[in-house]
Protein backbone atom coordinates (compact mmCIF):
# COMPACT_ATOMS: atom_id res chain seq x y z
CA MET A 1 94.36 225.59 151.83
CA LYS A 2 91.27 227.75 152.34
CA ILE A 3 88.87 228.37 149.48
CA GLY A 4 86.65 231.00 151.01
CA ASP A 5 85.30 229.28 154.10
CA ILE A 6 85.96 225.75 152.79
CA GLU A 7 89.11 223.87 153.79
CA VAL A 8 90.88 221.70 151.20
CA ILE A 9 93.58 219.40 152.59
CA PRO A 10 96.06 217.50 150.39
CA VAL A 11 96.61 214.03 151.87
CA ALA A 12 99.59 212.01 150.68
CA ASP A 13 99.46 208.23 150.31
CA GLY A 14 102.61 207.20 148.44
CA LYS A 15 104.33 207.47 145.10
CA GLY A 16 105.06 205.79 141.80
CA VAL A 17 108.05 205.82 139.48
CA GLU A 18 107.78 205.63 135.71
CA VAL A 19 110.12 206.08 132.74
CA ALA A 20 108.89 209.41 131.41
CA ALA A 21 109.49 208.60 127.75
CA GLU A 22 107.29 205.51 128.04
CA ILE A 23 104.33 207.45 129.45
CA LEU A 24 104.42 210.99 128.08
CA SER A 25 104.63 211.84 124.41
CA ARG A 26 104.37 214.83 122.14
CA PRO A 27 103.36 214.09 118.54
CA GLY A 28 106.11 214.79 116.02
CA VAL A 29 108.80 215.56 118.61
CA ASP A 30 111.68 213.14 119.24
CA ASP A 31 112.75 214.64 122.59
CA PRO A 32 109.68 216.22 124.18
CA PHE A 33 111.45 216.66 127.53
CA ALA A 34 114.22 218.94 126.28
CA CYS A 35 112.51 222.09 127.56
CA HIS A 36 111.21 220.56 130.78
CA ARG A 37 114.02 218.50 132.27
CA GLU A 38 113.50 220.09 135.69
CA HIS A 39 110.32 218.03 136.06
CA PHE A 40 112.07 214.67 135.59
CA ASN A 41 115.08 212.88 137.06
CA ALA A 42 118.43 212.91 135.27
CA ASP A 43 118.03 209.23 134.39
CA GLY A 44 114.70 209.90 132.64
CA THR A 45 112.50 208.57 135.41
CA TRP A 46 109.45 210.44 136.58
CA GLU A 47 108.30 210.38 140.20
CA LEU A 48 104.56 210.69 140.64
CA PRO A 49 103.21 211.53 144.08
CA VAL A 50 99.98 209.69 144.80
CA GLY A 51 97.40 211.16 147.11
CA ALA A 52 93.94 212.61 147.55
CA PHE A 53 92.19 215.72 148.80
CA CYS A 54 89.94 216.07 151.82
CA VAL A 55 87.37 218.86 151.70
CA ARG A 56 85.67 220.10 154.87
CA THR A 57 82.51 222.10 154.24
CA GLY A 58 79.86 222.63 156.90
CA ASP A 59 79.32 219.29 158.64
CA ARG A 60 80.60 217.29 155.66
CA VAL A 61 84.02 215.70 155.30
CA VAL A 62 84.48 214.79 151.63
CA LEU A 63 87.41 212.67 150.45
CA VAL A 64 88.22 213.11 146.77
CA ASP A 65 89.88 209.84 145.66
CA ALA A 66 91.40 207.15 147.84
CA GLY A 67 95.02 206.70 146.83
CA LEU A 68 96.89 203.44 146.38
CA GLY A 69 95.98 201.79 149.65
CA ASP A 70 98.15 199.25 151.45
CA PHE A 71 100.02 198.42 148.26
CA ASP A 72 103.58 197.93 147.03
CA ASN A 73 104.51 196.34 143.73
CA GLY A 74 108.05 197.72 143.56
CA LYS A 75 106.95 200.46 141.20
CA TYR A 76 104.11 202.02 143.15
CA SER A 77 103.83 202.04 146.93
CA GLY A 78 101.14 203.49 149.16
CA GLY A 79 99.88 203.19 152.69
CA GLY A 80 100.12 206.69 154.13
CA LEU A 81 96.68 208.17 153.47
CA LEU A 82 95.01 207.23 156.76
CA ASP A 83 97.96 208.60 158.71
CA SER A 84 97.83 211.78 156.63
CA LEU A 85 94.17 212.20 157.53
CA ARG A 86 94.83 211.56 161.22
CA GLU A 87 97.45 214.31 161.22
CA HIS A 88 94.53 216.64 160.50
CA GLY A 89 92.32 215.09 163.16
CA ILE A 90 90.24 213.07 160.69
CA THR A 91 89.46 209.40 161.32
CA PRO A 92 87.91 207.04 158.76
CA GLY A 93 84.61 207.24 160.62
CA ASP A 94 84.54 211.02 160.26
CA VAL A 95 84.43 210.91 156.44
CA THR A 96 80.87 211.51 155.23
CA ASP A 97 81.49 211.23 151.48
CA VAL A 98 84.04 209.57 149.22
CA VAL A 99 83.97 210.75 145.61
CA PHE A 100 86.15 209.33 142.86
CA THR A 101 87.57 211.29 139.96
CA HIS A 102 87.88 207.92 138.16
CA LEU A 103 88.53 204.28 138.97
CA HIS A 104 92.18 203.61 138.14
CA PHE A 105 93.99 201.57 140.81
CA ASP A 106 95.91 204.51 142.27
CA HIS A 107 92.70 206.38 143.07
CA ILE A 108 90.67 203.59 144.73
CA GLY A 109 93.17 201.89 147.02
CA TRP A 110 91.58 202.82 150.34
CA ALA A 111 88.01 202.32 149.13
CA THR A 112 88.20 198.89 150.77
CA ASN A 113 90.85 196.90 152.59
CA ASN A 114 90.74 193.12 152.93
CA GLY A 115 87.15 193.21 151.69
CA GLY A 116 85.94 195.77 154.24
CA ILE A 117 84.87 199.36 153.58
CA VAL A 118 87.54 201.67 154.97
CA PHE A 119 85.25 204.70 155.41
CA PRO A 120 82.21 202.95 156.90
CA ASN A 121 79.95 205.98 157.31
CA ALA A 122 80.59 207.52 153.91
CA VAL A 123 78.43 207.53 150.83
CA HIS A 124 80.68 206.62 147.87
CA ARG A 125 80.03 208.28 144.52
CA VAL A 126 81.40 207.81 141.02
CA HIS A 127 80.23 208.56 137.51
CA ARG A 128 78.12 205.74 136.11
CA ALA A 129 80.28 205.53 132.95
CA ASP A 130 83.36 204.60 134.98
CA TRP A 131 81.51 202.05 137.13
CA GLU A 132 80.14 200.36 134.04
CA HIS A 133 83.55 200.40 132.33
CA PHE A 134 85.71 199.21 135.23
CA VAL A 135 83.34 197.13 137.37
CA THR A 136 80.33 195.77 135.49
CA GLY A 137 81.43 195.97 131.85
CA PRO A 138 83.18 193.35 129.70
CA ALA A 139 86.57 195.05 130.16
CA ALA A 140 86.37 194.94 133.97
CA GLY A 141 89.44 193.53 135.71
CA ARG A 142 89.09 191.08 138.57
CA GLU A 143 91.24 193.12 140.97
CA THR A 144 89.14 196.24 140.44
CA VAL A 145 85.89 194.28 140.77
CA ASP A 146 87.06 192.69 144.01
CA LYS A 147 88.25 196.04 145.35
CA LEU A 148 85.05 197.98 144.59
CA SER A 149 82.19 195.48 144.80
CA PRO A 150 81.95 195.73 148.62
CA LEU A 151 81.01 199.41 148.19
CA GLU A 152 77.69 198.64 146.53
CA PRO A 153 75.54 199.01 149.70
CA ARG A 154 76.96 202.52 150.16
CA LEU A 155 77.37 203.42 146.49
CA GLU A 156 75.61 206.14 144.50
CA LEU A 157 76.23 206.46 140.77
CA PHE A 158 75.68 209.73 138.91
CA ASP A 159 75.47 210.52 135.21
CA ALA A 160 75.07 214.31 135.27
CA ASP A 161 76.88 217.23 136.85
CA PHE A 162 75.54 217.93 140.33
CA THR A 163 76.28 219.49 143.73
CA ILE A 164 77.72 217.00 146.23
CA ALA A 165 77.81 219.29 149.26
CA PRO A 166 77.75 223.05 149.79
CA GLY A 167 80.53 224.44 147.58
CA ILE A 168 81.51 221.13 145.93
CA ASP A 169 80.30 220.38 142.41
CA ALA A 170 80.96 217.39 140.15
CA ARG A 171 81.80 218.15 136.53
CA HIS A 172 82.03 215.33 133.98
CA THR A 173 85.26 215.56 131.98
CA PRO A 174 85.55 212.35 129.92
CA GLY A 175 88.72 211.44 128.08
CA HIS A 176 91.16 210.00 130.56
CA THR A 177 88.40 207.54 131.41
CA PRO A 178 84.74 207.46 130.31
CA GLY A 179 83.52 208.84 133.62
CA SER A 180 86.46 211.06 134.54
CA THR A 181 85.18 213.82 136.83
CA VAL A 182 86.62 217.10 138.07
CA TYR A 183 85.41 218.41 141.44
CA VAL A 184 85.04 222.18 141.73
CA VAL A 185 85.32 223.72 145.18
CA SER A 186 83.92 227.25 145.40
CA SER A 187 83.24 229.71 148.19
CA GLN A 188 83.18 233.48 148.60
CA GLY A 189 84.14 234.10 144.99
CA ARG A 190 87.12 231.73 145.01
CA ARG A 191 87.49 228.38 143.20
CA ALA A 192 89.76 225.36 143.18
CA LEU A 193 89.50 222.58 140.61
CA LEU A 194 90.50 219.08 141.73
CA LEU A 195 91.55 217.57 138.42
CA GLY A 196 92.02 213.89 139.12
CA ASP A 197 94.06 212.68 136.15
CA VAL A 198 92.91 215.29 133.66
CA ALA A 199 96.59 216.22 134.01
CA HIS A 200 99.31 213.94 135.38
CA SER A 201 102.17 216.43 135.03
CA VAL A 202 102.13 220.20 135.37
CA VAL A 203 103.92 220.25 132.00
CA GLN A 204 100.65 219.22 130.35
CA LEU A 205 99.16 222.57 131.34
CA SER A 206 101.79 224.41 129.32
CA GLU A 207 102.17 221.95 126.45
CA PRO A 208 98.75 221.65 124.75
CA ASP A 209 99.60 218.54 122.72
CA TRP A 210 101.31 216.33 125.33
CA GLN A 211 99.62 212.98 125.86
CA VAL A 212 99.85 210.12 128.36
CA VAL A 213 99.46 206.47 127.46
CA TRP A 214 96.82 206.02 130.17
CA ASP A 215 94.20 208.19 128.46
CA ILE A 216 91.45 205.98 127.06
CA ASP A 217 90.49 208.67 124.54
CA PRO A 218 93.58 210.86 124.00
CA VAL A 219 91.79 213.35 121.73
CA ALA A 220 88.98 213.94 124.23
CA ALA A 221 91.43 214.03 127.15
CA SER A 222 93.55 216.68 125.43
CA ALA A 223 90.48 218.76 124.58
CA VAL A 224 89.23 218.67 128.17
CA ARG A 225 92.64 219.49 129.61
CA ASN A 226 93.17 222.47 127.32
CA ARG A 227 89.64 223.74 127.80
CA LEU A 228 90.04 223.76 131.58
CA ALA A 229 93.50 225.31 131.43
CA ASP A 230 92.23 228.10 129.19
CA GLU A 231 89.19 228.60 131.41
CA VAL A 232 91.28 229.31 134.50
CA ALA A 233 94.24 231.04 132.83
CA ASP A 234 95.13 234.41 134.36
CA THR A 235 92.43 234.11 137.02
CA GLU A 236 92.68 233.48 140.75
CA ASP A 237 91.33 229.94 140.27
CA LEU A 238 93.55 227.19 141.65
CA LEU A 239 94.26 223.73 140.24
CA GLY A 240 95.24 220.64 142.19
CA ALA A 241 95.85 217.05 141.13
CA ALA A 242 96.81 213.80 142.81
CA HIS A 243 100.14 213.53 140.92
CA PHE A 244 101.36 217.12 141.03
CA PRO A 245 104.61 217.64 143.01
CA GLN A 246 103.95 217.74 146.77
CA LEU A 247 100.23 217.83 145.88
CA ARG A 248 100.64 221.60 145.65
CA PHE A 249 98.03 223.87 144.16
CA GLY A 250 98.85 226.39 141.48
CA ARG A 251 97.53 228.79 138.90
CA VAL A 252 97.74 228.86 135.13
CA VAL A 253 99.31 232.05 133.84
CA THR A 254 100.12 233.36 130.37
CA THR A 255 102.00 236.57 131.20
CA ASP A 256 105.49 236.92 129.73
CA GLY A 257 105.22 233.79 127.62
CA PRO A 258 103.15 230.70 126.88
CA ARG A 259 100.60 229.16 129.21
CA ARG A 260 102.21 227.57 132.27
CA PHE A 261 101.49 226.30 135.79
CA VAL A 262 102.84 228.28 138.75
CA ALA A 263 102.66 226.62 142.16
CA VAL A 264 101.40 228.67 145.11
């Protein structure tokens, strides 16, 4: 995918399987999936791709999120991200920057492996609010601390929106997590928004009140999601997210009906 003169590459790592009714909800509706069964399996399960995006701009190779890693718990399984990068001629040593949308386990898996930094030449960046919540705060889990602590010599925390590299900007979008961040890729008048988990399902871009149990602040998460969807609606702006089917980009359109996501 080209955004102007910047290349954005979806890189698959694995997948997860959830029971949709246990994760997604719509207040006041008993069967929220009735109008959207095409997005879920007949048995009510929901398959979530897990991956990341690699952005090449100038001499920078920026990895947005780091997938599940070498991981399989019977429900989620990863391991393909490094091979996905190599298919595009990118080795771990080529990556100059790793930026996290947030620090849930399925976005940090290849940050380290067996205690070693997987992308040894990269600066790693995350919003300070997420680092303090997941790594140094009282609610920090041991697995996350062990996974991320080795990054500290190559870690930079941020607490304001800023430009990471030419054409890549960080935009704080709290709700899913305290430091949830969207990365905006822009070049030659075109834009793509890498959403992280601002939206887990494309259905959430057409249903303004759908929620997921993983949002730390559901009200704030819904407000952010709807604000972004309205911002890009009926424009040429593209949206991508780590759990969208096939990691495909799409647009939000409102012609001939309610707001909805259309893959490109």
